[in-house]
Protein backbone atom coordinates (compact mmCIF):
# COMPACT_ATOMS: atom_id res chain seq x y z
CA MET A 1 30.63 202.99 -115.98
CA LYS A 2 30.13 204.16 -112.12
CA SER A 3 32.64 205.77 -109.85
CA ALA A 4 33.44 205.71 -106.62
CA GLY A 5 36.05 205.64 -103.66
CA ILE A 6 36.95 204.06 -100.57
CA THR A 7 36.45 207.44 -98.57
CA THR A 8 34.52 210.33 -99.25
CA ASP A 9 35.06 213.92 -98.21
CA PHE A 10 31.40 215.34 -98.14
CA LEU A 11 33.25 219.03 -97.56
CA LYS A 12 34.53 219.17 -101.13
CA PRO A 13 32.92 218.96 -104.13
CA TYR A 14 33.23 215.48 -106.12
CA ILE A 15 34.80 216.70 -108.91
CA ALA A 16 37.20 219.63 -108.50
CA GLU A 17 36.26 222.74 -110.73
CA ASN A 18 39.63 222.73 -112.82
CA VAL A 19 38.92 218.89 -113.40
CA LYS A 20 35.46 219.79 -114.69
CA LYS A 21 37.37 222.59 -116.79
CA VAL A 22 39.70 219.72 -118.19
CA LEU A 23 36.81 217.47 -118.89
CA LEU A 24 34.64 219.86 -120.60
CA GLN A 25 37.38 221.21 -122.68
CA ASN A 26 38.26 217.46 -123.98
CA GLY A 27 34.09 216.94 -124.81
CA LEU A 28 33.44 214.77 -121.83
CA GLU A 29 30.05 214.99 -120.03
CA ILE A 30 29.88 215.20 -116.24
CA LYS A 31 26.60 213.51 -115.63
CA ASP A 32 26.80 212.80 -111.72
CA GLU A 33 28.62 214.56 -109.08
CA GLN A 34 27.27 212.62 -106.06
CA SER A 35 30.24 211.81 -104.23
CA ARG A 36 29.57 207.65 -102.94
CA LEU A 37 31.66 204.87 -101.20
CA ILE A 38 32.48 201.58 -102.94
CA ASN A 39 29.97 198.85 -101.82
CA ASP A 40 29.93 195.27 -102.62
CA SER A 41 27.15 195.31 -104.87
CA MET A 42 28.69 197.72 -106.97
CA VAL A 43 31.59 195.26 -106.77
CA ASP A 44 29.24 192.57 -108.02
CA TRP A 45 27.97 194.87 -110.83
CA ALA A 46 31.30 195.81 -112.22
CA ASP A 47 32.65 193.49 -115.33
CA LYS A 48 36.13 195.74 -114.78
CA ILE A 49 37.45 197.53 -111.57
CA ILE A 50 40.17 200.17 -112.46
CA ILE A 51 42.20 201.26 -109.36
CA VAL A 52 43.87 204.80 -110.00
CA ALA A 53 44.64 205.93 -106.33
CA ASP A 54 47.54 204.60 -104.79
CA ASN A 55 46.18 204.48 -101.55
CA VAL A 56 43.90 201.93 -102.17
CA ASP A 57 44.12 198.12 -101.15
CA VAL A 58 44.16 195.99 -103.88
CA SER A 59 43.56 192.80 -102.08
CA LYS A 60 39.99 193.70 -101.02
CA PHE A 61 38.84 193.66 -104.36
CA PRO A 62 38.56 190.35 -106.81
CA ILE A 63 41.71 189.76 -108.77
CA GLU A 64 39.88 188.50 -111.79
CA LYS A 65 38.42 191.79 -112.92
CA THR A 66 40.88 194.60 -110.96
CA GLU A 67 43.40 196.47 -112.57
CA VAL A 68 45.81 198.68 -111.23
CA TRP A 69 46.49 201.98 -113.16
CA LYS A 70 49.80 204.06 -111.91
CA VAL A 71 48.40 207.52 -112.27
CA ARG A 72 50.38 210.15 -110.58
CA ASP A 73 48.48 212.60 -108.29
CA THR A 74 48.26 216.15 -108.18
CA THR A 75 46.82 219.34 -106.68
CA GLU A 76 43.32 220.41 -107.70
CA GLU A 77 45.11 223.93 -108.46
CA ASP A 78 47.52 222.17 -110.99
CA PHE A 79 45.64 222.99 -114.06
CA GLU A 80 48.83 221.44 -116.50
CA SER A 81 49.34 218.41 -114.59
CA ILE A 82 45.39 217.76 -114.64
CA ILE A 83 45.12 217.97 -118.32
CA LYS A 84 47.92 215.36 -118.23
CA ILE A 85 46.43 213.00 -116.16
CA VAL A 86 43.00 213.20 -117.74
CA ASP A 87 44.98 212.92 -121.39
CA GLU A 88 46.88 209.53 -119.75
CA ILE A 89 43.44 208.10 -118.35
CA GLU A 90 41.73 208.64 -121.50
CA GLU A 91 44.45 207.16 -123.56
CA ARG A 92 44.23 203.98 -121.23
CA ILE A 93 40.74 203.63 -121.42
CA LYS A 94 41.08 203.67 -125.21
CA ALA A 95 43.59 201.17 -124.86
CA LEU A 96 41.27 198.78 -122.97
CA LEU A 97 38.43 199.07 -125.38
CA ARG A 98 40.85 197.88 -127.69
CA ARG A 99 41.59 194.97 -125.22
CA ILE A 100 38.03 193.65 -124.79
């Protein structure tokens, strides 16, 4: 699995501290915090592309391997919302794994 964005903010950490806390509480390991931009080789490499941001032009990605998950956004400070969002994404990942 790889993670990338269509824009990056090099002035902020790749993973907000509250997000890290929730991920670690859920037993999820953070292996790489390097912020990276999506590129053609990553798109070619991917079997499945999951878009969770609501500001991404989906038409830029191959439709046959792209899924859009409507996941609400929150602020870095809203710890309770982060917990709910991480749980929602985790459930969606489990459902995806059952489908493939």
